[in-house]
PDB file of all heavy atoms in Angstrom:
ATOM      1  N   VAL A   1     -11.395  -5.495  -2.802  1.00  0.00           N
ATOM      2  CA  VAL A   1     -11.975  -5.583  -1.474  1.00  0.00           C
ATOM      3  C   VAL A   1     -11.059  -4.821  -0.492  1.00  0.00           C
ATOM      4  O   VAL A   1     -11.489  -4.026   0.321  1.00  0.00           O
ATOM      5  CB  VAL A   1     -12.207  -7.029  -1.049  1.00  0.00           C
ATOM      6  CG1 VAL A   1     -12.604  -7.050   0.442  1.00  0.00           C
ATOM      7  CG2 VAL A   1     -13.231  -7.684  -1.906  1.00  0.00           C
ATOM      8  N   VAL A   2      -9.775  -5.064  -0.603  1.00  0.00           N
ATOM      9  CA  VAL A   2      -8.786  -4.381   0.258  1.00  0.00           C
ATOM     10  C   VAL A   2      -8.839  -2.865   0.085  1.00  0.00           C
ATOM     11  O   VAL A   2      -8.823  -2.098   1.031  1.00  0.00           O
ATOM     12  CB  VAL A   2      -7.349  -4.981   0.068  1.00  0.00           C
ATOM     13  CG1 VAL A   2      -6.316  -4.072   0.785  1.00  0.00           C
ATOM     14  CG2 VAL A   2      -7.328  -6.384   0.637  1.00  0.00           C
ATOM     15  N   GLY A   3      -8.872  -2.478  -1.156  1.00  0.00           N
ATOM     16  CA  GLY A   3      -9.003  -1.015  -1.485  1.00  0.00           C
ATOM     17  C   GLY A   3     -10.262  -0.442  -0.953  1.00  0.00           C
ATOM     18  O   GLY A   3     -10.284   0.675  -0.361  1.00  0.00           O
ATOM     19  N   PHE A   4     -11.422  -1.149  -0.991  1.00  0.00           N
ATOM     20  CA  PHE A   4     -12.640  -0.651  -0.398  1.00  0.00           C
ATOM     21  C   PHE A   4     -12.534  -0.449   1.091  1.00  0.00           C
ATOM     22  O   PHE A   4     -12.940   0.578   1.666  1.00  0.00           O
ATOM     23  CB  PHE A   4     -13.814  -1.613  -0.733  1.00  0.00           C
ATOM     24  CG  PHE A   4     -15.079  -1.333  -0.071  1.00  0.00           C
ATOM     25  CD1 PHE A   4     -15.843  -0.318  -0.420  1.00  0.00           C
ATOM     26  CD2 PHE A   4     -15.468  -2.145   0.992  1.00  0.00           C
ATOM     27  CE1 PHE A   4     -17.074   0.002   0.212  1.00  0.00           C
ATOM     28  CE2 PHE A   4     -16.663  -1.921   1.697  1.00  0.00           C
ATOM     29  CZ  PHE A   4     -17.412  -0.825   1.269  1.00  0.00           C
ATOM     30  N   TRP A   5     -11.916  -1.477   1.753  1.00  0.00           N
ATOM     31  CA  TRP A   5     -11.780  -1.395   3.214  1.00  0.00           C
ATOM     32  C   TRP A   5     -10.828  -0.284   3.630  1.00  0.00           C
ATOM     33  O   TRP A   5     -11.054   0.404   4.616  1.00  0.00           O
ATOM     34  CB  TRP A   5     -11.230  -2.768   3.715  1.00  0.00           C
ATOM     35  CG  TRP A   5     -12.061  -3.179   4.895  1.00  0.00           C
ATOM     36  CD1 TRP A   5     -11.909  -2.847   6.231  1.00  0.00           C
ATOM     37  CD2 TRP A   5     -13.201  -4.027   4.888  1.00  0.00           C
ATOM     38  NE1 TRP A   5     -12.835  -3.488   6.986  1.00  0.00           N
ATOM     39  CE2 TRP A   5     -13.675  -4.206   6.182  1.00  0.00           C
ATOM     40  CE3 TRP A   5     -13.940  -4.614   3.809  1.00  0.00           C
ATOM     41  CZ2 TRP A   5     -14.814  -4.985   6.493  1.00  0.00           C
ATOM     42  CZ3 TRP A   5     -15.018  -5.445   4.124  1.00  0.00           C
ATOM     43  CH2 TRP A   5     -15.466  -5.586   5.471  1.00  0.00           C
ATOM     44  N   ARG A   6      -9.791  -0.040   2.864  1.00  0.00           N
ATOM     45  CA  ARG A   6      -8.751   0.923   3.172  1.00  0.00           C
ATOM     46  C   ARG A   6      -9.345   2.333   3.315  1.00  0.00           C
ATOM     47  O   ARG A   6      -8.891   3.200   4.002  1.00  0.00           O
ATOM     48  CB  ARG A   6      -7.686   0.880   2.165  1.00  0.00           C
ATOM     49  CG  ARG A   6      -6.530   1.774   2.458  1.00  0.00           C
ATOM     50  CD  ARG A   6      -5.308   1.616   1.440  1.00  0.00           C
ATOM     51  NE  ARG A   6      -4.665   0.357   1.667  1.00  0.00           N
ATOM     52  CZ  ARG A   6      -4.499  -0.659   0.850  1.00  0.00           C
ATOM     53  NH1 ARG A   6      -4.985  -0.539  -0.338  1.00  0.00           N
ATOM     54  NH2 ARG A   6      -3.840  -1.744   1.177  1.00  0.00           N
ATOM     55  N   GLN A   7     -10.451   2.631   2.508  1.00  0.00           N
ATOM     56  CA  GLN A   7     -10.995   3.950   2.474  1.00  0.00           C
ATOM     57  C   GLN A   7     -11.430   4.438   3.869  1.00  0.00           C
ATOM     58  O   GLN A   7     -11.272   5.634   4.114  1.00  0.00           O
ATOM     59  CB  GLN A   7     -12.309   3.950   1.612  1.00  0.00           C
ATOM     60  CG  GLN A   7     -12.025   3.784   0.095  1.00  0.00           C
ATOM     61  CD  GLN A   7     -13.289   3.841  -0.603  1.00  0.00           C
ATOM     62  OE1 GLN A   7     -14.328   4.385  -0.239  1.00  0.00           O
ATOM     63  NE2 GLN A   7     -13.213   3.326  -1.880  1.00  0.00           N
ATOM     64  N   ARG A   8     -12.024   3.591   4.687  1.00  0.00           N
ATOM     65  CA  ARG A   8     -12.553   4.048   5.978  1.00  0.00           C
ATOM     66  C   ARG A   8     -11.895   3.372   7.179  1.00  0.00           C
ATOM     67  O   ARG A   8     -11.952   3.994   8.251  1.00  0.00           O
ATOM     68  CB  ARG A   8     -14.044   3.851   6.069  1.00  0.00           C
ATOM     69  CG  ARG A   8     -14.851   4.642   5.087  1.00  0.00           C
ATOM     70  CD  ARG A   8     -14.851   6.114   5.458  1.00  0.00           C
ATOM     71  NE  ARG A   8     -15.911   7.000   5.049  1.00  0.00           N
ATOM     72  CZ  ARG A   8     -16.119   7.312   3.732  1.00  0.00           C
ATOM     73  NH1 ARG A   8     -15.343   6.833   2.834  1.00  0.00           N
ATOM     74  NH2 ARG A   8     -17.119   8.063   3.490  1.00  0.00           N
ATOM     75  N   HIS A   9     -11.292   2.221   7.029  1.00  0.00           N
ATOM     76  CA  HIS A   9     -10.720   1.526   8.104  1.00  0.00           C
ATOM     77  C   HIS A   9      -9.405   0.894   7.716  1.00  0.00           C
ATOM     78  O   HIS A   9      -9.242  -0.290   7.730  1.00  0.00           O
ATOM     79  CB  HIS A   9     -11.732   0.390   8.586  1.00  0.00           C
ATOM     80  CG  HIS A   9     -12.976   0.912   9.073  1.00  0.00           C
ATOM     81  ND1 HIS A   9     -13.089   1.497  10.366  1.00  0.00           N
ATOM     82  CD2 HIS A   9     -14.184   1.004   8.482  1.00  0.00           C
ATOM     83  CE1 HIS A   9     -14.391   1.864  10.490  1.00  0.00           C
ATOM     84  NE2 HIS A   9     -15.056   1.594   9.423  1.00  0.00           N
ATOM     85  N   PRO A  10      -8.413   1.759   7.450  1.00  0.00           N
ATOM     86  CA  PRO A  10      -7.115   1.251   7.099  1.00  0.00           C
ATOM     87  C   PRO A  10      -6.458   0.377   8.168  1.00  0.00           C
ATOM     88  O   PRO A  10      -5.639  -0.536   7.837  1.00  0.00           O
ATOM     89  CB  PRO A  10      -6.288   2.513   6.819  1.00  0.00           C
ATOM     90  CG  PRO A  10      -6.997   3.621   7.501  1.00  0.00           C
ATOM     91  CD  PRO A  10      -8.428   3.200   7.531  1.00  0.00           C
ATOM     92  N   GLU A  11      -6.766   0.625   9.407  1.00  0.00           N
ATOM     93  CA  GLU A  11      -6.232  -0.198  10.445  1.00  0.00           C
ATOM     94  C   GLU A  11      -6.744  -1.664  10.385  1.00  0.00           C
ATOM     95  O   GLU A  11      -6.107  -2.578  11.006  1.00  0.00           O
ATOM     96  CB  GLU A  11      -6.607   0.377  11.820  1.00  0.00           C
ATOM     97  CG  GLU A  11      -8.074   0.209  12.281  1.00  0.00           C
ATOM     98  CD  GLU A  11      -9.051   1.188  11.621  1.00  0.00           C
ATOM     99  OE1 GLU A  11      -8.692   2.019  10.733  1.00  0.00           O
ATOM    100  OE2 GLU A  11     -10.318   1.079  11.883  1.00  0.00           O
ATOM    101  N   GLU A  12      -7.758  -1.981   9.652  1.00  0.00           N
ATOM    102  CA  GLU A  12      -8.305  -3.339   9.549  1.00  0.00           C
ATOM    103  C   GLU A  12      -7.837  -4.082   8.266  1.00  0.00           C
ATOM    104  O   GLU A  12      -8.140  -5.210   8.100  1.00  0.00           O
ATOM    105  CB  GLU A  12      -9.790  -3.307   9.573  1.00  0.00           C
ATOM    106  CG  GLU A  12     -10.370  -2.777  10.868  1.00  0.00           C
ATOM    107  CD  GLU A  12     -11.903  -2.705  10.805  1.00  0.00           C
ATOM    108  OE1 GLU A  12     -12.602  -3.229   9.856  1.00  0.00           O
ATOM    109  OE2 GLU A  12     -12.492  -2.151  11.822  1.00  0.00           O
ATOM    110  N   VAL A  13      -7.153  -3.348   7.380  1.00  0.00           N
ATOM    111  CA  VAL A  13      -6.744  -3.876   6.069  1.00  0.00           C
ATOM    112  C   VAL A  13      -5.929  -5.169   6.249  1.00  0.00           C
ATOM    113  O   VAL A  13      -6.231  -6.100   5.488  1.00  0.00           O
ATOM    114  CB  VAL A  13      -6.054  -2.835   5.223  1.00  0.00           C
ATOM    115  CG1 VAL A  13      -5.423  -3.470   3.978  1.00  0.00           C
ATOM    116  CG2 VAL A  13      -7.055  -1.818   4.795  1.00  0.00           C
ATOM    117  N   ARG A  14      -5.002  -5.236   7.104  1.00  0.00           N
ATOM    118  CA  ARG A  14      -4.130  -6.370   7.222  1.00  0.00           C
ATOM    119  C   ARG A  14      -4.975  -7.597   7.595  1.00  0.00           C
ATOM    120  O   ARG A  14      -4.827  -8.701   7.060  1.00  0.00           O
ATOM    121  CB  ARG A  14      -3.060  -6.127   8.262  1.00  0.00           C
ATOM    122  CG  ARG A  14      -2.105  -7.323   8.440  1.00  0.00           C
ATOM    123  CD  ARG A  14      -0.923  -7.055   9.311  1.00  0.00           C
ATOM    124  NE  ARG A  14       0.133  -6.477   8.415  1.00  0.00           N
ATOM    125  CZ  ARG A  14       1.071  -5.762   8.842  1.00  0.00           C
ATOM    126  NH1 ARG A  14       1.351  -5.623  10.141  1.00  0.00           N
ATOM    127  NH2 ARG A  14       2.007  -5.303   8.015  1.00  0.00           N
ATOM    128  N   ALA A  15      -5.939  -7.485   8.570  1.00  0.00           N
ATOM    129  CA  ALA A  15      -6.755  -8.543   9.042  1.00  0.00           C
ATOM    130  C   ALA A  15      -7.759  -8.975   7.882  1.00  0.00           C
ATOM    131  O   ALA A  15      -7.894 -10.162   7.685  1.00  0.00           O
ATOM    132  CB  ALA A  15      -7.604  -8.133  10.239  1.00  0.00           C
ATOM    133  N   VAL A  16      -8.331  -8.007   7.220  1.00  0.00           N
ATOM    134  CA  VAL A  16      -9.206  -8.282   6.069  1.00  0.00           C
ATOM    135  C   VAL A  16      -8.454  -9.070   4.944  1.00  0.00           C
ATOM    136  O   VAL A  16      -9.005 -10.026   4.463  1.00  0.00           O
ATOM    137  CB  VAL A  16      -9.860  -6.982   5.548  1.00  0.00           C
ATOM    138  CG1 VAL A  16     -10.540  -7.267   4.188  1.00  0.00           C
ATOM    139  CG2 VAL A  16     -10.865  -6.427   6.567  1.00  0.00           C
ATOM    140  N   ASP A  17      -7.310  -8.633   4.641  1.00  0.00           N
ATOM    141  CA  ASP A  17      -6.473  -9.270   3.611  1.00  0.00           C
ATOM    142  C   ASP A  17      -6.151 -10.728   4.040  1.00  0.00           C
ATOM    143  O   ASP A  17      -6.268 -11.672   3.237  1.00  0.00           O
ATOM    144  CB  ASP A  17      -5.203  -8.484   3.299  1.00  0.00           C
ATOM    145  CG  ASP A  17      -4.521  -9.031   2.112  1.00  0.00           C
ATOM    146  OD1 ASP A  17      -5.137  -9.303   1.071  1.00  0.00           O
ATOM    147  OD2 ASP A  17      -3.263  -9.117   2.137  1.00  0.00           O
ATOM    148  N   ALA A  18      -5.851 -10.946   5.295  1.00  0.00           N
ATOM    149  CA  ALA A  18      -5.508 -12.278   5.792  1.00  0.00           C
ATOM    150  C   ALA A  18      -6.784 -13.176   5.654  1.00  0.00           C
ATOM    151  O   ALA A  18      -6.658 -14.361   5.369  1.00  0.00           O
ATOM    152  CB  ALA A  18      -5.039 -12.227   7.258  1.00  0.00           C
ATOM    153  N   GLU A  19      -7.998 -12.638   6.005  1.00  0.00           N
ATOM    154  CA  GLU A  19      -9.186 -13.408   5.913  1.00  0.00           C
ATOM    155  C   GLU A  19      -9.467 -13.766   4.435  1.00  0.00           C
ATOM    156  O   GLU A  19     -10.030 -14.825   4.113  1.00  0.00           O
ATOM    157  CB  GLU A  19     -10.355 -12.616   6.463  1.00  0.00           C
ATOM    158  CG  GLU A  19     -10.285 -12.507   8.000  1.00  0.00           C
ATOM    159  CD  GLU A  19     -11.511 -11.765   8.616  1.00  0.00           C
ATOM    160  OE1 GLU A  19     -12.612 -12.187   8.301  1.00  0.00           O
ATOM    161  OE2 GLU A  19     -11.281 -10.817   9.358  1.00  0.00           O
ATOM    162  N   LEU A  20      -9.232 -12.807   3.557  1.00  0.00           N
ATOM    163  CA  LEU A  20      -9.399 -13.145   2.138  1.00  0.00           C
ATOM    164  C   LEU A  20      -8.527 -14.254   1.674  1.00  0.00           C
ATOM    165  O   LEU A  20      -8.943 -15.144   0.939  1.00  0.00           O
ATOM    166  CB  LEU A  20      -9.198 -11.863   1.315  1.00  0.00           C
ATOM    167  CG  LEU A  20     -10.232 -10.697   1.364  1.00  0.00           C
ATOM    168  CD1 LEU A  20      -9.720  -9.422   0.836  1.00  0.00           C
ATOM    169  CD2 LEU A  20     -11.503 -11.216   0.723  1.00  0.00           C
ATOM    170  N   VAL A  21      -7.213 -14.179   2.049  1.00  0.00           N
ATOM    171  CA  VAL A  21      -6.338 -15.223   1.654  1.00  0.00           C
ATOM    172  C   VAL A  21      -6.737 -16.574   2.197  1.00  0.00           C
ATOM    173  O   VAL A  21      -6.696 -17.601   1.545  1.00  0.00           O
ATOM    174  CB  VAL A  21      -4.902 -14.794   2.078  1.00  0.00           C
ATOM    175  CG1 VAL A  21      -3.858 -16.002   1.852  1.00  0.00           C
ATOM    176  CG2 VAL A  21      -4.411 -13.645   1.288  1.00  0.00           C
ATOM    177  N   TYR A  22      -7.081 -16.591   3.482  1.00  0.00           N
ATOM    178  CA  TYR A  22      -7.558 -17.822   4.062  1.00  0.00           C
ATOM    179  C   TYR A  22      -8.803 -18.390   3.432  1.00  0.00           C
ATOM    180  O   TYR A  22      -8.928 -19.575   3.129  1.00  0.00           O
ATOM    181  CB  TYR A  22      -7.763 -17.612   5.615  1.00  0.00           C
ATOM    182  CG  TYR A  22      -8.201 -18.841   6.356  1.00  0.00           C
ATOM    183  CD1 TYR A  22      -7.296 -19.984   6.434  1.00  0.00           C
ATOM    184  CD2 TYR A  22      -9.422 -19.027   6.857  1.00  0.00           C
ATOM    185  CE1 TYR A  22      -7.697 -21.121   7.028  1.00  0.00           C
ATOM    186  CE2 TYR A  22      -9.819 -20.189   7.540  1.00  0.00           C
ATOM    187  CZ  TYR A  22      -8.916 -21.264   7.650  1.00  0.00           C
ATOM    188  OH  TYR A  22      -9.347 -22.343   8.259  1.00  0.00           O
ATOM    189  N   GLY A  23      -9.750 -17.516   3.081  1.00  0.00           N
ATOM    190  CA  GLY A  23     -10.947 -17.892   2.438  1.00  0.00           C
ATOM    191  C   GLY A  23     -10.698 -18.491   1.014  1.00  0.00           C
ATOM    192  O   GLY A  23     -11.216 -19.430   0.608  1.00  0.00           O
ATOM    193  N   HIS A  24      -9.708 -17.855   0.350  1.00  0.00           N
ATOM    194  CA  HIS A  24      -9.295 -18.322  -0.968  1.00  0.00           C
ATOM    195  C   HIS A  24      -8.825 -19.764  -0.868  1.00  0.00           C
ATOM    196  O   HIS A  24      -9.209 -20.667  -1.685  1.00  0.00           O
ATOM    197  CB  HIS A  24      -8.177 -17.428  -1.547  1.00  0.00           C
ATOM    198  CG  HIS A  24      -7.465 -17.935  -2.761  1.00  0.00           C
ATOM    199  ND1 HIS A  24      -8.096 -18.114  -3.992  1.00  0.00           N
ATOM    200  CD2 HIS A  24      -6.220 -18.368  -2.863  1.00  0.00           C
ATOM    201  CE1 HIS A  24      -7.173 -18.596  -4.845  1.00  0.00           C
ATOM    202  NE2 HIS A  24      -6.075 -18.765  -4.179  1.00  0.00           N
ATOM    203  N   THR A  25      -7.987 -20.053   0.109  1.00  0.00           N
ATOM    204  CA  THR A  25      -7.429 -21.370   0.351  1.00  0.00           C
ATOM    205  C   THR A  25      -8.633 -22.401   0.619  1.00  0.00           C
ATOM    206  O   THR A  25      -8.640 -23.455   0.077  1.00  0.00           O
ATOM    207  CB  THR A  25      -6.441 -21.433   1.490  1.00  0.00           C
ATOM    208  OG1 THR A  25      -5.329 -20.561   1.148  1.00  0.00           O
ATOM    209  CG2 THR A  25      -5.869 -22.860   1.712  1.00  0.00           C
ATOM    210  N   GLN A  26      -9.489 -21.954   1.502  1.00  0.00           N
ATOM    211  CA  GLN A  26     -10.638 -22.794   1.865  1.00  0.00           C
ATOM    212  C   GLN A  26     -11.558 -23.106   0.626  1.00  0.00           C
ATOM    213  O   GLN A  26     -11.961 -24.304   0.440  1.00  0.00           O
ATOM    214  CB  GLN A  26     -11.521 -22.139   2.948  1.00  0.00           C
ATOM    215  CG  GLN A  26     -10.876 -22.123   4.289  1.00  0.00           C
ATOM    216  CD  GLN A  26     -11.875 -21.489   5.262  1.00  0.00           C
ATOM    217  OE1 GLN A  26     -12.289 -20.305   5.080  1.00  0.00           O
ATOM    218  NE2 GLN A  26     -12.227 -22.208   6.266  1.00  0.00           N
ATOM    219  N   VAL A  27     -11.845 -22.080  -0.174  1.00  0.00           N
ATOM    220  CA  VAL A  27     -12.721 -22.297  -1.324  1.00  0.00           C
ATOM    221  C   VAL A  27     -12.047 -23.223  -2.365  1.00  0.00           C
ATOM    222  O   VAL A  27     -12.637 -24.098  -2.947  1.00  0.00           O
ATOM    223  CB  VAL A  27     -13.157 -20.952  -1.931  1.00  0.00           C
ATOM    224  CG1 VAL A  27     -13.783 -21.142  -3.299  1.00  0.00           C
ATOM    225  CG2 VAL A  27     -14.075 -20.228  -0.977  1.00  0.00           C
ATOM    226  N   THR A  28     -10.775 -22.915  -2.586  1.00  0.00           N
ATOM    227  CA  THR A  28     -10.058 -23.750  -3.583  1.00  0.00           C
ATOM    228  C   THR A  28     -10.053 -25.214  -3.193  1.00  0.00           C
ATOM    229  O   THR A  28     -10.365 -26.070  -4.026  1.00  0.00           O
ATOM    230  CB  THR A  28      -8.610 -23.187  -3.751  1.00  0.00           C
ATOM    231  OG1 THR A  28      -8.692 -21.885  -4.113  1.00  0.00           O
ATOM    232  CG2 THR A  28      -7.830 -24.024  -4.774  1.00  0.00           C
ATOM    233  N   GLU A  29      -9.721 -25.499  -1.913  1.00  0.00           N
ATOM    234  CA  GLU A  29      -9.766 -26.871  -1.453  1.00  0.00           C
ATOM    235  C   GLU A  29     -11.170 -27.517  -1.478  1.00  0.00           C
ATOM    236  O   GLU A  29     -11.314 -28.675  -1.844  1.00  0.00           O
ATOM    237  CB  GLU A  29      -9.143 -26.930  -0.009  1.00  0.00           C
ATOM    238  CG  GLU A  29      -7.673 -26.634   0.047  1.00  0.00           C
ATOM    239  CD  GLU A  29      -7.119 -26.522   1.409  1.00  0.00           C
ATOM    240  OE1 GLU A  29      -7.875 -26.576   2.377  1.00  0.00           O
ATOM    241  OE2 GLU A  29      -5.862 -26.325   1.535  1.00  0.00           O
ATOM    242  N   ALA A  30     -12.165 -26.728  -1.049  1.00  0.00           N
ATOM    243  CA  ALA A  30     -13.532 -27.208  -0.985  1.00  0.00           C
ATOM    244  C   ALA A  30     -14.061 -27.575  -2.436  1.00  0.00           C
ATOM    245  O   ALA A  30     -14.734 -28.532  -2.597  1.00  0.00           O
ATOM    246  CB  ALA A  30     -14.464 -26.208  -0.344  1.00  0.00           C
ATOM    247  N   ARG A  31     -13.697 -26.701  -3.390  1.00  0.00           N
ATOM    248  CA  ARG A  31     -14.203 -27.002  -4.779  1.00  0.00           C
ATOM    249  C   ARG A  31     -13.453 -28.284  -5.316  1.00  0.00           C
ATOM    250  O   ARG A  31     -14.110 -28.956  -6.156  1.00  0.00           O
ATOM    251  CB  ARG A  31     -13.883 -25.809  -5.689  1.00  0.00           C
ATOM    252  CG  ARG A  31     -14.895 -24.723  -5.475  1.00  0.00           C
ATOM    253  CD  ARG A  31     -14.838 -23.676  -6.599  1.00  0.00           C
ATOM    254  NE  ARG A  31     -15.829 -22.599  -6.400  1.00  0.00           N
ATOM    255  CZ  ARG A  31     -16.018 -21.650  -7.194  1.00  0.00           C
ATOM    256  NH1 ARG A  31     -15.296 -21.580  -8.302  1.00  0.00           N
ATOM    257  NH2 ARG A  31     -16.982 -20.717  -6.949  1.00  0.00           N
ATOM    258  N   GLU A  32     -12.283 -28.543  -4.941  1.00  0.00           N
ATOM    259  CA  GLU A  32     -11.600 -29.747  -5.402  1.00  0.00           C
ATOM    260  C   GLU A  32     -12.317 -30.998  -5.000  1.00  0.00           C
ATOM    261  O   GLU A  32     -12.293 -31.994  -5.722  1.00  0.00           O
ATOM    262  CB  GLU A  32     -10.098 -29.817  -4.896  1.00  0.00           C
ATOM    263  CG  GLU A  32      -9.215 -28.785  -5.611  1.00  0.00           C
ATOM    264  CD  GLU A  32      -7.848 -28.730  -4.990  1.00  0.00           C
ATOM    265  OE1 GLU A  32      -7.488 -29.569  -4.112  1.00  0.00           O
ATOM    266  OE2 GLU A  32      -7.034 -27.914  -5.452  1.00  0.00           O
ATOM    267  N   ILE A  33     -12.973 -30.956  -3.798  1.00  0.00           N
ATOM    268  CA  ILE A  33     -13.685 -32.158  -3.329  1.00  0.00           C
ATOM    269  C   ILE A  33     -15.232 -31.943  -3.474  1.00  0.00           C
ATOM    270  O   ILE A  33     -15.967 -32.841  -2.938  1.00  0.00           O
ATOM    271  CB  ILE A  33     -13.313 -32.448  -1.767  1.00  0.00           C
ATOM    272  CG1 ILE A  33     -13.727 -31.271  -0.853  1.00  0.00           C
ATOM    273  CG2 ILE A  33     -11.873 -32.786  -1.664  1.00  0.00           C
ATOM    274  CD1 ILE A  33     -13.562 -31.621   0.598  1.00  0.00           C
TER     275      ILE A  33
END
């Protein structure tokens, strides 16, 4: 996903990566319950 975003909007990669990491945490916790 980060590689896809980097192609056209490299300035957004840091924010996209942070959203992915946060989403990963949310999904992991949600699946546990």
